[in-house]
Amino acid sequence: MGDKKRFFLSALGLFILALSLAFAPGRVEAGLAIRIFGGPGYQNIGDLNNGLKGLSDSFAYYGAGLGYSAAGSYDPIHTEMNLGGDIIFQFGPNIGIGFGSGYLRVGRKSELRLTAPTPALHDEVLTFSPEVTVIPVRAGLFLFLPLGSALTVFLNAGAEYYFASITSLVRDEYPAWWWGEREDKAKGRGFGFRGGLGFEIRLSSGLSLILEGQGRLAKIKDLTGSHTYRNSFGFEETKNGTLYYWTDLWLFQPFPYIAVNDTLPSEPWQQNPRKAVLDLSGWAAVAGFLFRF
């Protein structure tokens, strides 16, 4: 059973349970709640990490063939800061519908240093500076299960729509002699699914502390933007297109690669090209406050 199918079945079960609680006998309390939260998380990211790691590994591999020694490597980006908020329309003590948005960013600078075997050759430094930013807009169902006067377990699940942006800057430098940069920028949109499980700890009649674990399933497959190459000699060239991912067989050694190109890569050494995928699937552990009105 696929991840999305399991998610839909879990959401359906949550919805059925919520309806049974919402229409159960007893006093129904309606109201409005607003929550804000933030905390660390982990995202798969996918092709961007694989492509930049392939580029780093290819430089180390071919450098070793020329006698260069390598230190460092591309460091994949996964950890991010997740911020968000929701407005919850609560129809009773157990069920509500929420609408919200958020912000997440993941990025890191890493470096590969190639030391020349003799003074006649120059040392080389590659610096990788990728960044992914995402703004999700969501709607979902909230289920509240009171365990006492001050403690409530809550669950939520729903759909999200993402506005995503990728920036990848790779600087290739021979210090004090020459440098060149390749910069890819791409944007994309897409749908995904999220869910959460947490605790609401009531601090007063209108204020609660919330602690929540969140999960997300989302992949964005159409990313378009630009590729710019510039160097220290003053040359600069930009082309627009789609972010592609392929296996590069330059000198017959396969390495994954990623870049924006105006057409599908089709050179003999560019194998299995396809549109790059930004994988936002992952988790977050957040804390925040919930205000009831």
C-alpha atoms as a PDB file:
ATOM      1  CA  MET A   1       0.000   0.000   0.000  1.00  0.00           C
ATOM      2  CA  GLY A   2       1.425   3.392  -0.991  1.00  0.00           C
ATOM      3  CA  ASP A   3       2.089   6.254   1.428  1.00  0.00           C
ATOM      4  CA  LYS A   4      -0.661   8.434  -0.042  1.00  0.00           C
ATOM      5  CA  LYS A   5      -3.233   5.629   0.187  1.00  0.00           C
ATOM      6  CA  ARG A   6      -2.340   4.989   3.833  1.00  0.00           C
ATOM      7  CA  PHE A   7      -2.640   8.712   4.496  1.00  0.00           C
ATOM      8  CA  PHE A   8      -6.110   8.884   2.910  1.00  0.00           C
ATOM      9  CA  LEU A   9      -7.331   5.878   4.930  1.00  0.00           C
ATOM     10  CA  SER A  10      -5.990   7.385   8.153  1.00  0.00           C
ATOM     11  CA  ALA A  11      -7.645  10.713   7.366  1.00  0.00           C
ATOM     12  CA  LEU A  12     -10.946   8.956   6.601  1.00  0.00           C
ATOM     13  CA  GLY A  13     -10.801   7.113   9.919  1.00  0.00           C
ATOM     14  CA  LEU A  14     -10.069  10.383  11.721  1.00  0.00           C
ATOM     15  CA  PHE A  15     -13.016  12.055   9.973  1.00  0.00           C
ATOM     16  CA  ILE A  16     -15.445   9.263  10.919  1.00  0.00           C
ATOM     17  CA  LEU A  17     -14.257   9.327  14.545  1.00  0.00           C
ATOM     18  CA  ALA A  18     -14.572  13.103  14.637  1.00  0.00           C
ATOM     19  CA  LEU A  19     -18.151  13.010  13.360  1.00  0.00           C
ATOM     20  CA  SER A  20     -19.146  10.422  15.953  1.00  0.00           C
ATOM     21  CA  LEU A  21     -17.763  12.631  18.722  1.00  0.00           C
ATOM     22  CA  ALA A  22     -19.183  15.835  17.282  1.00  0.00           C
ATOM     23  CA  PHE A  23     -22.751  14.530  17.296  1.00  0.00           C
ATOM     24  CA  ALA A  24     -22.519  12.590  20.549  1.00  0.00           C
ATOM     25  CA  PRO A  25     -25.003  13.588  23.299  1.00  0.00           C
ATOM     26  CA  GLY A  26     -23.870  16.362  25.616  1.00  0.00           C
ATOM     27  CA  ARG A  27     -23.178  20.071  25.734  1.00  0.00           C
ATOM     28  CA  VAL A  28     -21.671  21.428  22.525  1.00  0.00           C
ATOM     29  CA  GLU A  29     -19.275  24.354  22.837  1.00  0.00           C
ATOM     30  CA  ALA A  30     -18.481  26.286  19.695  1.00  0.00           C
ATOM     31  CA  GLY A  31     -15.795  28.903  19.339  1.00  0.00           C
ATOM     32  CA  LEU A  32     -12.800  30.299  17.546  1.00  0.00           C
ATOM     33  CA  ALA A  33      -9.181  29.354  18.244  1.00  0.00           C
ATOM     34  CA  ILE A  34      -5.907  30.662  16.859  1.00  0.00           C
ATOM     35  CA  ARG A  35      -2.638  28.818  17.212  1.00  0.00           C
ATOM     36  CA  ILE A  36       0.945  29.750  16.382  1.00  0.00           C
ATOM     37  CA  PHE A  37       3.907  27.381  16.504  1.00  0.00           C
ATOM     38  CA  GLY A  38       7.495  26.772  15.473  1.00  0.00           C
ATOM     39  CA  GLY A  39      10.212  24.172  15.730  1.00  0.00           C
ATOM     40  CA  PRO A  40      12.816  22.071  13.921  1.00  0.00           C
ATOM     41  CA  GLY A  41      12.035  19.501  11.260  1.00  0.00           C
ATOM     42  CA  TYR A  42      13.503  17.210   8.627  1.00  0.00           C
ATOM     43  CA  GLN A  43      12.738  17.204   4.900  1.00  0.00           C
ATOM     44  CA  ASN A  44      13.928  14.641   2.336  1.00  0.00           C
ATOM     45  CA  ILE A  45      14.642  17.312  -0.352  1.00  0.00           C
ATOM     46  CA  GLY A  46      15.552  14.553  -2.853  1.00  0.00           C
ATOM     47  CA  ASP A  47      17.018  15.391  -6.268  1.00  0.00           C
ATOM     48  CA  LEU A  48      18.687  18.661  -5.253  1.00  0.00           C
ATOM     49  CA  ASN A  49      20.758  16.868  -2.626  1.00  0.00           C
ATOM     50  CA  ASN A  50      21.520  13.928  -4.906  1.00  0.00           C
ATOM     51  CA  GLY A  51      22.536  16.111  -7.842  1.00  0.00           C
ATOM     52  CA  LEU A  52      24.850  18.381  -5.842  1.00  0.00           C
ATOM     53  CA  LYS A  53      26.398  15.397  -4.058  1.00  0.00           C
ATOM     54  CA  GLY A  54      27.025  13.845  -7.485  1.00  0.00           C
ATOM     55  CA  LEU A  55      28.761  17.017  -8.671  1.00  0.00           C
ATOM     56  CA  SER A  56      30.938  17.087  -5.549  1.00  0.00           C
ATOM     57  CA  ASP A  57      31.822  13.406  -5.885  1.00  0.00           C
ATOM     58  CA  SER A  58      32.685  13.815  -9.583  1.00  0.00           C
ATOM     59  CA  PHE A  59      35.199  16.589  -8.844  1.00  0.00           C
ATOM     60  CA  ALA A  60      36.785  14.492  -6.095  1.00  0.00           C
ATOM     61  CA  TYR A  61      36.918  11.441  -8.370  1.00  0.00           C
ATOM     62  CA  TYR A  62      38.478  13.163 -11.374  1.00  0.00           C
ATOM     63  CA  GLY A  63      40.779  15.176  -9.120  1.00  0.00           C
ATOM     64  CA  ALA A  64      42.074  11.968  -7.575  1.00  0.00           C
ATOM     65  CA  GLY A  65      42.973  10.764 -11.065  1.00  0.00           C
ATOM     66  CA  LEU A  66      45.247  13.812 -11.409  1.00  0.00           C
ATOM     67  CA  GLY A  67      46.825  13.315  -7.995  1.00  0.00           C
ATOM     68  CA  TYR A  68      44.693  15.829  -6.067  1.00  0.00           C
ATOM     69  CA  SER A  69      43.713  14.997  -2.479  1.00  0.00           C
ATOM     70  CA  ALA A  70      40.183  15.849  -1.363  1.00  0.00           C
ATOM     71  CA  ALA A  71      38.919  17.207   1.955  1.00  0.00           C
ATOM     72  CA  GLY A  72      35.254  17.816   2.689  1.00  0.00           C
ATOM     73  CA  SER A  73      32.287  17.236   0.418  1.00  0.00           C
ATOM     74  CA  TYR A  74      28.800  18.487  -0.313  1.00  0.00           C
ATOM     75  CA  ASP A  75      26.757  18.252   2.897  1.00  0.00           C
ATOM     76  CA  PRO A  76      23.098  17.414   2.075  1.00  0.00           C
ATOM     77  CA  ILE A  77      20.444  19.766   3.459  1.00  0.00           C
ATOM     78  CA  HIS A  78      17.587  18.268   5.456  1.00  0.00           C
ATOM     79  CA  THR A  79      17.023  20.116   8.740  1.00  0.00           C
ATOM     80  CA  GLU A  80      14.778  23.158   8.671  1.00  0.00           C
ATOM     81  CA  MET A  81      12.921  25.601  10.879  1.00  0.00           C
ATOM     82  CA  ASN A  82       9.161  25.205  10.566  1.00  0.00           C
ATOM     83  CA  LEU A  83       6.894  28.147  11.466  1.00  0.00           C
ATOM     84  CA  GLY A  84       3.140  28.311  11.119  1.00  0.00           C
ATOM     85  CA  GLY A  85      -0.267  29.258  12.360  1.00  0.00           C
ATOM     86  CA  ASP A  86      -3.913  28.226  12.021  1.00  0.00           C
ATOM     87  CA  ILE A  87      -7.360  29.668  12.577  1.00  0.00           C
ATOM     88  CA  ILE A  88      -9.652  26.927  13.898  1.00  0.00           C
ATOM     89  CA  PHE A  89     -13.429  27.125  13.734  1.00  0.00           C
ATOM     90  CA  GLN A  90     -14.497  24.735  16.494  1.00  0.00           C
ATOM     91  CA  PHE A  91     -18.053  23.419  16.161  1.00  0.00           C
ATOM     92  CA  GLY A  92     -18.054  21.663  19.508  1.00  0.00           C
ATOM     93  CA  PRO A  93     -15.695  20.439  22.223  1.00  0.00           C
ATOM     94  CA  ASN A  94     -14.282  17.728  19.953  1.00  0.00           C
ATOM     95  CA  ILE A  95     -14.196  18.870  16.323  1.00  0.00           C
ATOM     96  CA  GLY A  96     -13.144  21.835  14.233  1.00  0.00           C
ATOM     97  CA  ILE A  97     -11.926  22.888  10.811  1.00  0.00           C
ATOM     98  CA  GLY A  98      -8.715  24.856  10.473  1.00  0.00           C
ATOM     99  CA  PHE A  99      -7.139  27.083   7.834  1.00  0.00           C
ATOM    100  CA  GLY A 100      -3.539  28.183   8.024  1.00  0.00           C
ATOM    101  CA  SER A 101      -0.190  28.900   6.496  1.00  0.00           C
ATOM    102  CA  GLY A 102       3.458  28.678   7.390  1.00  0.00           C
ATOM    103  CA  TYR A 103       7.056  29.087   6.370  1.00  0.00           C
ATOM    104  CA  LEU A 104       9.953  26.668   6.189  1.00  0.00           C
ATOM    105  CA  ARG A 105      13.509  27.182   5.048  1.00  0.00           C
ATOM    106  CA  VAL A 106      16.415  24.787   4.725  1.00  0.00           C
ATOM    107  CA  GLY A 107      19.914  25.720   3.586  1.00  0.00           C
ATOM    108  CA  ARG A 108      23.578  25.211   4.386  1.00  0.00           C
ATOM    109  CA  LYS A 109      26.983  26.065   2.958  1.00  0.00           C
ATOM    110  CA  SER A 110      29.512  23.257   2.490  1.00  0.00           C
ATOM    111  CA  GLU A 111      32.899  22.960   0.839  1.00  0.00           C
ATOM    112  CA  LEU A 112      35.115  20.554  -1.090  1.00  0.00           C
ATOM    113  CA  ARG A 113      38.852  21.360  -1.093  1.00  0.00           C
ATOM    114  CA  LEU A 114      41.181  19.753  -3.630  1.00  0.00           C
ATOM    115  CA  THR A 115      44.877  20.057  -2.800  1.00  0.00           C
ATOM    116  CA  ALA A 116      47.263  19.957  -5.778  1.00  0.00           C
ATOM    117  CA  PRO A 117      49.996  17.289  -5.785  1.00  0.00           C
ATOM    118  CA  THR A 118      52.697  19.778  -6.876  1.00  0.00           C
ATOM    119  CA  PRO A 119      53.219  23.573  -6.685  1.00  0.00           C
ATOM    120  CA  ALA A 120      52.941  23.688 -10.481  1.00  0.00           C
ATOM    121  CA  LEU A 121      49.206  22.985 -10.159  1.00  0.00           C
ATOM    122  CA  HIS A 122      46.654  25.115  -8.346  1.00  0.00           C
ATOM    123  CA  ASP A 123      44.515  24.088  -5.383  1.00  0.00           C
ATOM    124  CA  GLU A 124      40.799  24.113  -6.098  1.00  0.00           C
ATOM    125  CA  VAL A 125      37.858  24.924  -3.805  1.00  0.00           C
ATOM    126  CA  LEU A 126      34.201  24.204  -4.540  1.00  0.00           C
ATOM    127  CA  THR A 127      31.612  25.921  -2.352  1.00  0.00           C
ATOM    128  CA  PHE A 128      27.996  24.722  -2.366  1.00  0.00           C
ATOM    129  CA  SER A 129      25.235  27.075  -1.158  1.00  0.00           C
ATOM    130  CA  PRO A 130      21.781  25.506  -1.712  1.00  0.00           C
ATOM    131  CA  GLU A 131      18.577  26.844  -0.189  1.00  0.00           C
ATOM    132  CA  VAL A 132      14.935  25.770  -0.278  1.00  0.00           C
ATOM    133  CA  THR A 133      12.088  27.955   0.978  1.00  0.00           C
ATOM    134  CA  VAL A 134       8.445  26.892   1.068  1.00  0.00           C
ATOM    135  CA  ILE A 135       5.195  28.627   1.986  1.00  0.00           C
ATOM    136  CA  PRO A 136       2.375  26.113   2.598  1.00  0.00           C
ATOM    137  CA  VAL A 137      -1.307  27.062   2.611  1.00  0.00           C
ATOM    138  CA  ARG A 138      -3.520  24.449   4.235  1.00  0.00           C
ATOM    139  CA  ALA A 139      -6.968  23.353   5.319  1.00  0.00           C
ATOM    140  CA  GLY A 140      -7.713  20.455   7.628  1.00  0.00           C
ATOM    141  CA  LEU A 141      -9.848  18.706  10.192  1.00  0.00           C
ATOM    142  CA  PHE A 142      -9.043  18.984  13.928  1.00  0.00           C
ATOM    143  CA  LEU A 143     -10.080  16.444  16.550  1.00  0.00           C
ATOM    144  CA  PHE A 144      -9.818  17.232  20.293  1.00  0.00           C
ATOM    145  CA  LEU A 145      -9.911  14.462  22.921  1.00  0.00           C
ATOM    146  CA  PRO A 146      -9.949  15.898  26.480  1.00  0.00           C
ATOM    147  CA  LEU A 147      -8.101  13.825  29.068  1.00  0.00           C
ATOM    148  CA  GLY A 148      -8.921  16.155  31.952  1.00  0.00           C
ATOM    149  CA  SER A 149      -9.612  19.765  32.775  1.00  0.00           C
ATOM    150  CA  ALA A 150      -6.094  20.887  31.788  1.00  0.00           C
ATOM    151  CA  LEU A 151      -4.934  18.339  29.217  1.00  0.00           C
ATOM    152  CA  THR A 152      -6.255  17.545  25.739  1.00  0.00           C
ATOM    153  CA  VAL A 153      -4.897  15.283  23.020  1.00  0.00           C
ATOM    154  CA  PHE A 154      -5.499  16.626  19.524  1.00  0.00           C
ATOM    155  CA  LEU A 155      -5.124  15.221  16.028  1.00  0.00           C
ATOM    156  CA  ASN A 156      -5.329  16.981  12.695  1.00  0.00           C
ATOM    157  CA  ALA A 157      -5.046  16.065   9.035  1.00  0.00           C
ATOM    158  CA  GLY A 158      -5.586  17.847   5.757  1.00  0.00           C
ATOM    159  CA  ALA A 159      -4.265  19.090   2.438  1.00  0.00           C
ATOM    160  CA  GLU A 160      -1.625  21.721   1.704  1.00  0.00           C
ATOM    161  CA  TYR A 161      -0.715  23.758  -1.357  1.00  0.00           C
ATOM    162  CA  TYR A 162       2.944  24.747  -1.625  1.00  0.00           C
ATOM    163  CA  PHE A 163       4.782  27.716  -3.085  1.00  0.00           C
ATOM    164  CA  ALA A 164       8.366  26.490  -3.285  1.00  0.00           C
ATOM    165  CA  SER A 165      11.628  28.129  -4.321  1.00  0.00           C
ATOM    166  CA  ILE A 166      15.064  26.544  -4.882  1.00  0.00           C
ATOM    167  CA  THR A 167      18.397  28.327  -5.174  1.00  0.00           C
ATOM    168  CA  SER A 168      21.647  26.464  -5.833  1.00  0.00           C
ATOM    169  CA  LEU A 169      24.927  28.381  -6.076  1.00  0.00           C
ATOM    170  CA  VAL A 170      28.132  26.422  -6.772  1.00  0.00           C
ATOM    171  CA  ARG A 171      31.381  28.402  -6.805  1.00  0.00           C
ATOM    172  CA  ASP A 172      34.469  26.769  -8.372  1.00  0.00           C
ATOM    173  CA  GLU A 173      37.609  28.659  -7.374  1.00  0.00           C
ATOM    174  CA  TYR A 174      41.351  28.505  -7.851  1.00  0.00           C
ATOM    175  CA  PRO A 175      42.268  31.010  -5.085  1.00  0.00           C
ATOM    176  CA  ALA A 176      44.020  34.191  -6.256  1.00  0.00           C
ATOM    177  CA  TRP A 177      43.769  33.065  -9.880  1.00  0.00           C
ATOM    178  CA  TRP A 178      40.257  32.327 -11.198  1.00  0.00           C
ATOM    179  CA  TRP A 179      36.700  31.601 -10.138  1.00  0.00           C
ATOM    180  CA  GLY A 180      33.508  30.505 -11.848  1.00  0.00           C
ATOM    181  CA  GLU A 181      29.949  30.238 -10.542  1.00  0.00           C
ATOM    182  CA  ARG A 182      26.895  28.294 -11.657  1.00  0.00           C
ATOM    183  CA  GLU A 183      23.603  29.393 -10.138  1.00  0.00           C
ATOM    184  CA  ASP A 184      20.268  27.645 -10.581  1.00  0.00           C
ATOM    185  CA  LYS A 185      17.019  29.244  -9.463  1.00  0.00           C
ATOM    186  CA  ALA A 186      13.678  27.496  -9.798  1.00  0.00           C
ATOM    187  CA  LYS A 187      10.139  27.812  -8.468  1.00  0.00           C
ATOM    188  CA  GLY A 188       7.236  25.400  -8.369  1.00  0.00           C
ATOM    189  CA  ARG A 189       3.826  24.732  -6.875  1.00  0.00           C
ATOM    190  CA  GLY A 190       2.032  21.586  -5.845  1.00  0.00           C
ATOM    191  CA  PHE A 191      -0.298  19.767  -3.463  1.00  0.00           C
ATOM    192  CA  GLY A 192       0.543  17.550  -0.527  1.00  0.00           C
ATOM    193  CA  PHE A 193      -0.850  16.149   2.691  1.00  0.00           C
ATOM    194  CA  ARG A 194      -0.027  16.678   6.323  1.00  0.00           C
ATOM    195  CA  GLY A 195      -1.065  15.410   9.735  1.00  0.00           C
ATOM    196  CA  GLY A 196      -0.283  16.084  13.363  1.00  0.00           C
ATOM    197  CA  LEU A 197      -0.615  14.601  16.839  1.00  0.00           C
ATOM    198  CA  GLY A 198      -0.027  16.593  19.993  1.00  0.00           C
ATOM    199  CA  PHE A 199      -1.001  17.825  23.436  1.00  0.00           C
ATOM    200  CA  GLU A 200      -2.809  20.974  24.511  1.00  0.00           C
ATOM    201  CA  ILE A 201      -1.897  22.006  28.051  1.00  0.00           C
ATOM    202  CA  ARG A 202      -4.341  24.615  29.340  1.00  0.00           C
ATOM    203  CA  LEU A 203      -2.665  27.522  31.130  1.00  0.00           C
ATOM    204  CA  SER A 204      -5.817  29.598  31.552  1.00  0.00           C
ATOM    205  CA  SER A 205      -9.362  29.682  30.165  1.00  0.00           C
ATOM    206  CA  GLY A 206      -8.185  31.291  26.932  1.00  0.00           C
ATOM    207  CA  LEU A 207      -4.531  30.234  26.622  1.00  0.00           C
ATOM    208  CA  SER A 208      -2.923  26.836  26.115  1.00  0.00           C
ATOM    209  CA  LEU A 209       0.573  25.524  25.444  1.00  0.00           C
ATOM    210  CA  ILE A 210       0.730  23.097  22.505  1.00  0.00           C
ATOM    211  CA  LEU A 211       3.322  20.414  21.743  1.00  0.00           C
ATOM    212  CA  GLU A 212       2.920  18.624  18.419  1.00  0.00           C
ATOM    213  CA  GLY A 213       4.592  16.147  16.098  1.00  0.00           C
ATOM    214  CA  GLN A 214       3.814  16.760  12.421  1.00  0.00           C
ATOM    215  CA  GLY A 215       4.236  14.668   9.277  1.00  0.00           C
ATOM    216  CA  ARG A 216       4.068  15.626   5.595  1.00  0.00           C
ATOM    217  CA  LEU A 217       3.825  13.831   2.235  1.00  0.00           C
ATOM    218  CA  ALA A 218       4.531  16.154  -0.699  1.00  0.00           C
ATOM    219  CA  LYS A 219       6.518  16.193  -3.945  1.00  0.00           C
ATOM    220  CA  ILE A 220       6.771  19.084  -6.401  1.00  0.00           C
ATOM    221  CA  LYS A 221       7.608  17.868  -9.913  1.00  0.00           C
ATOM    222  CA  ASP A 222       7.476  20.962 -12.134  1.00  0.00           C
ATOM    223  CA  LEU A 223      10.166  23.482 -11.241  1.00  0.00           C
ATOM    224  CA  THR A 224      11.085  26.212 -13.705  1.00  0.00           C
ATOM    225  CA  GLY A 225      13.583  29.042 -13.545  1.00  0.00           C
ATOM    226  CA  SER A 226      17.031  30.037 -14.765  1.00  0.00           C
ATOM    227  CA  HIS A 227      20.633  28.836 -14.956  1.00  0.00           C
ATOM    228  CA  THR A 228      23.383  31.465 -14.828  1.00  0.00           C
ATOM    229  CA  TYR A 229      27.094  30.932 -15.365  1.00  0.00           C
ATOM    230  CA  ARG A 230      29.600  33.702 -14.595  1.00  0.00           C
ATOM    231  CA  ASN A 231      33.356  33.863 -14.020  1.00  0.00           C
ATOM    232  CA  SER A 232      36.146  36.195 -12.959  1.00  0.00           C
ATOM    233  CA  PHE A 233      36.944  37.109 -16.578  1.00  0.00           C
ATOM    234  CA  GLY A 234      33.630  38.987 -16.775  1.00  0.00           C
ATOM    235  CA  PHE A 235      31.719  36.389 -18.769  1.00  0.00           C
ATOM    236  CA  GLU A 236      28.073  35.817 -17.828  1.00  0.00           C
ATOM    237  CA  GLU A 237      25.322  33.814 -19.529  1.00  0.00           C
ATOM    238  CA  THR A 238      21.764  33.023 -18.436  1.00  0.00           C
ATOM    239  CA  LYS A 239      19.222  30.612 -19.900  1.00  0.00           C
ATOM    240  CA  ASN A 240      15.682  29.875 -18.781  1.00  0.00           C
ATOM    241  CA  GLY A 241      14.046  26.486 -18.594  1.00  0.00           C
ATOM    242  CA  THR A 242      13.123  23.541 -16.381  1.00  0.00           C
ATOM    243  CA  LEU A 243      15.048  22.016 -13.507  1.00  0.00           C
ATOM    244  CA  TYR A 244      16.219  18.585 -14.745  1.00  0.00           C
ATOM    245  CA  TYR A 245      17.921  15.617 -13.095  1.00  0.00           C
ATOM    246  CA  TRP A 246      20.003  13.000 -14.909  1.00  0.00           C
ATOM    247  CA  THR A 247      22.956  10.623 -14.643  1.00  0.00           C
ATOM    248  CA  ASP A 248      26.111  12.089 -16.159  1.00  0.00           C
ATOM    249  CA  LEU A 249      28.575   9.624 -17.736  1.00  0.00           C
ATOM    250  CA  TRP A 250      31.406  12.028 -18.502  1.00  0.00           C
ATOM    251  CA  LEU A 251      34.588   9.906 -18.811  1.00  0.00           C
ATOM    252  CA  PHE A 252      32.331   6.843 -18.351  1.00  0.00           C
ATOM    253  CA  GLN A 253      31.882   7.192 -14.592  1.00  0.00           C
ATOM    254  CA  PRO A 254      28.204   7.757 -13.590  1.00  0.00           C
ATOM    255  CA  PHE A 255      27.288  10.639 -11.278  1.00  0.00           C
ATOM    256  CA  PRO A 256      23.850  12.197 -10.654  1.00  0.00           C
ATOM    257  CA  TYR A 257      23.499  15.806 -11.787  1.00  0.00           C
ATOM    258  CA  ILE A 258      20.930  18.583 -11.547  1.00  0.00           C
ATOM    259  CA  ALA A 259      20.568  21.912 -13.389  1.00  0.00           C
ATOM    260  CA  VAL A 260      18.083  24.186 -15.139  1.00  0.00           C
ATOM    261  CA  ASN A 261      18.155  23.652 -18.911  1.00  0.00           C
ATOM    262  CA  ASP A 262      16.079  25.037 -21.776  1.00  0.00           C
ATOM    263  CA  THR A 263      15.554  21.530 -23.226  1.00  0.00           C
ATOM    264  CA  LEU A 264      15.599  17.993 -21.899  1.00  0.00           C
ATOM    265  CA  PRO A 265      19.295  16.988 -21.580  1.00  0.00           C
ATOM    266  CA  SER A 266      20.003  14.701 -24.539  1.00  0.00           C
ATOM    267  CA  GLU A 267      23.764  14.428 -24.987  1.00  0.00           C
ATOM    268  CA  PRO A 268      25.087  10.833 -25.218  1.00  0.00           C
ATOM    269  CA  TRP A 269      26.644  11.065 -21.737  1.00  0.00           C
ATOM    270  CA  GLN A 270      23.426  12.414 -20.157  1.00  0.00           C
ATOM    271  CA  GLN A 271      21.466   9.305 -19.243  1.00  0.00           C
ATOM    272  CA  ASN A 272      17.896   8.910 -17.927  1.00  0.00           C
ATOM    273  CA  PRO A 273      16.995  12.631 -17.874  1.00  0.00           C
ATOM    274  CA  ARG A 274      13.750  13.706 -16.231  1.00  0.00           C
ATOM    275  CA  LYS A 275      12.219  16.651 -14.444  1.00  0.00           C
ATOM    276  CA  ALA A 276      13.753  17.155 -11.018  1.00  0.00           C
ATOM    277  CA  VAL A 277      11.544  16.534  -7.984  1.00  0.00           C
ATOM    278  CA  LEU A 278      11.563  18.535  -4.770  1.00  0.00           C
ATOM    279  CA  ASP A 279      10.607  16.090  -2.016  1.00  0.00           C
ATOM    280  CA  LEU A 280       9.118  17.915   0.967  1.00  0.00           C
ATOM    281  CA  SER A 281       8.103  14.735   2.784  1.00  0.00           C
ATOM    282  CA  GLY A 282       9.339  14.700   6.361  1.00  0.00           C
ATOM    283  CA  TRP A 283       8.486  15.607   9.918  1.00  0.00           C
ATOM    284  CA  ALA A 284       8.626  18.459  12.415  1.00  0.00           C
ATOM    285  CA  ALA A 285       8.465  18.775  16.211  1.00  0.00           C
ATOM    286  CA  VAL A 286       6.889  22.090  17.174  1.00  0.00           C
ATOM    287  CA  ALA A 287       5.741  24.012  20.213  1.00  0.00           C
ATOM    288  CA  GLY A 288       3.520  27.053  20.476  1.00  0.00           C
ATOM    289  CA  PHE A 289       0.418  28.619  21.923  1.00  0.00           C
ATOM    290  CA  LEU A 290      -3.302  28.278  21.269  1.00  0.00           C
ATOM    291  CA  PHE A 291      -5.681  31.139  22.015  1.00  0.00           C
ATOM    292  CA  ARG A 292      -9.387  30.449  22.478  1.00  0.00           C
ATOM    293  CA  PHE A 293     -12.085  33.093  22.056  1.00  0.00           C
END
